[in-house]
């Protein structure tokens, strides 16, 4: 079983978040992307404290696809320096983790988890 990652990023609005999520899934760079409710981020940028409303994405992918996913996020992301943080999944439902691996494989079997 390939290592599964959860990748975090934030987008400035729902339209750009939806477009990126669709692109990642359509191109098998992610098995699933959760668009979360908008949040308020506070951060330092160019020596100033900034505040922004952002749409967080939780992206489920395999370690094998991470480099391509990172490149796709960077290419499509409107920020100069996008947040892209990958966290390894230490435990999870084996069938779900297998599904993530299958959906992000270059030659997917097309299997889907049961509803």
Protein backbone atom coordinates (compact mmCIF):
# COMPACT_ATOMS: atom_id res chain seq x y z
CA UNK A 1 0.00 0.00 0.00
CA UNK A 2 1.35 3.42 -1.00
CA UNK A 3 1.64 6.05 1.75
CA UNK A 4 -1.40 8.35 1.89
CA UNK A 5 -1.01 12.07 2.54
CA UNK A 6 -3.41 14.83 3.51
CA UNK A 7 -2.29 18.06 1.84
CA UNK A 8 -3.50 21.41 3.15
CA UNK A 9 -3.82 24.63 1.20
CA UNK A 10 -5.99 27.75 1.33
CA UNK A 11 -7.52 29.65 -1.58
CA UNK A 12 -8.84 33.23 -1.59
CA UNK A 13 -12.40 32.34 -2.69
CA UNK A 14 -14.81 29.51 -3.41
CA UNK A 15 -14.47 29.72 -7.19
CA UNK A 16 -10.70 29.24 -7.18
CA UNK A 17 -10.97 26.52 -4.51
CA UNK A 18 -13.59 24.63 -6.55
CA UNK A 19 -11.56 24.95 -9.76
CA UNK A 20 -8.40 23.64 -8.10
CA UNK A 21 -10.25 20.79 -6.36
CA UNK A 22 -11.85 19.68 -9.64
CA UNK A 23 -8.55 19.90 -11.51
CA UNK A 24 -6.75 17.75 -8.93
CA UNK A 25 -9.41 15.02 -8.89
CA UNK A 26 -9.94 15.01 -12.66
CA UNK A 27 -6.20 14.52 -13.19
CA UNK A 28 -5.90 11.80 -10.51
CA UNK A 29 -3.58 13.94 -8.42
CA UNK A 30 -6.08 13.61 -5.57
CA UNK A 31 -8.68 10.99 -4.73
CA UNK A 32 -10.82 13.49 -2.83
CA UNK A 33 -10.68 17.18 -1.94
CA UNK A 34 -12.74 18.62 0.90
CA UNK A 35 -13.61 22.31 0.58
CA UNK A 36 -14.13 23.64 4.08
CA UNK A 37 -16.07 26.67 5.25
CA UNK A 38 -14.26 29.97 4.81
CA UNK A 39 -11.95 30.91 7.65
CA UNK A 40 -10.05 34.01 8.68
CA UNK A 41 -6.27 33.77 8.47
CA UNK A 42 -3.87 36.13 10.24
CA UNK A 43 -0.25 36.10 9.11
CA UNK A 44 2.85 38.24 8.61
CA UNK A 45 3.69 39.02 4.96
CA UNK A 46 6.35 41.49 3.82
CA UNK A 47 6.78 42.78 7.40
CA UNK A 48 3.09 43.57 7.84
CA UNK A 49 0.37 41.74 9.74
CA UNK A 50 -2.28 40.68 7.21
CA UNK A 51 -5.77 39.25 7.56
CA UNK A 52 -7.70 37.39 4.87
CA UNK A 53 -10.76 35.22 4.46
CA UNK A 54 -9.74 31.96 2.80
CA UNK A 55 -11.27 28.64 1.75
CA UNK A 56 -9.24 25.69 3.15
CA UNK A 57 -8.81 22.52 1.11
CA UNK A 58 -8.01 19.09 2.53
CA UNK A 59 -6.53 17.07 -0.31
CA UNK A 60 -6.16 13.27 -0.05
CA UNK A 61 -3.42 11.85 -2.25
CA UNK A 62 -0.64 9.28 -2.37
CA UNK A 63 3.01 9.98 -1.70
CA UNK A 64 3.77 8.84 -5.27
CA UNK A 65 1.62 11.68 -6.66
CA UNK A 66 2.77 14.41 -4.25
CA UNK A 67 5.36 16.04 -6.54
CA UNK A 68 2.88 16.31 -9.42
CA UNK A 69 0.16 17.57 -7.07
CA UNK A 70 2.48 20.23 -5.63
CA UNK A 71 3.41 21.38 -9.13
CA UNK A 72 -0.28 21.58 -10.13
CA UNK A 73 -1.21 23.55 -7.01
CA UNK A 74 1.67 25.99 -7.55
CA UNK A 75 0.74 26.44 -11.22
CA UNK A 76 -2.94 27.12 -10.51
CA UNK A 77 -2.67 28.97 -7.21
CA UNK A 78 -3.18 32.74 -7.26
CA UNK A 79 -0.87 33.41 -4.29
CA UNK A 80 2.79 34.33 -4.71
CA UNK A 81 3.65 31.80 -1.98
CA UNK A 82 0.84 29.27 -1.47
CA UNK A 83 0.56 27.21 1.68
CA UNK A 84 1.18 23.59 0.70
CA UNK A 85 1.65 21.29 3.68
CA UNK A 86 1.60 17.49 3.41
CA UNK A 87 0.84 15.40 6.48
CA UNK A 88 1.32 11.62 6.36
CA UNK A 89 -1.67 9.50 7.35
CA UNK A 90 -0.42 7.25 10.14
CA UNK A 91 -3.61 5.22 10.50
CA UNK A 92 -6.89 4.95 8.67
CA UNK A 93 -9.54 2.57 7.44
CA UNK A 94 -7.51 0.21 5.20
CA UNK A 95 -10.19 0.08 2.49
CA UNK A 96 -10.30 3.90 2.31
CA UNK A 97 -6.52 4.19 2.16
CA UNK A 98 -6.47 1.56 -0.61
CA UNK A 99 -9.11 3.60 -2.48
CA UNK A 100 -6.98 6.76 -2.24
CA UNK A 101 -4.01 4.84 -3.61
CA UNK A 102 -6.10 3.36 -6.45
CA UNK A 103 -7.67 6.70 -7.42
CA UNK A 104 -4.31 8.44 -7.60
CA UNK A 105 -2.57 5.65 -9.49
CA UNK A 106 -1.74 6.52 -13.07
CA UNK A 107 -3.75 3.49 -14.29
CA UNK A 108 -6.71 3.52 -11.89
CA UNK A 109 -9.00 0.52 -11.45
CA UNK A 110 -11.96 2.88 -11.16
CA UNK A 111 -13.13 1.39 -7.87
CA UNK A 112 -15.10 3.58 -5.51
CA UNK A 113 -15.81 3.26 -1.79
CA UNK A 114 -19.25 2.04 -0.78
CA UNK A 115 -21.67 4.87 0.14
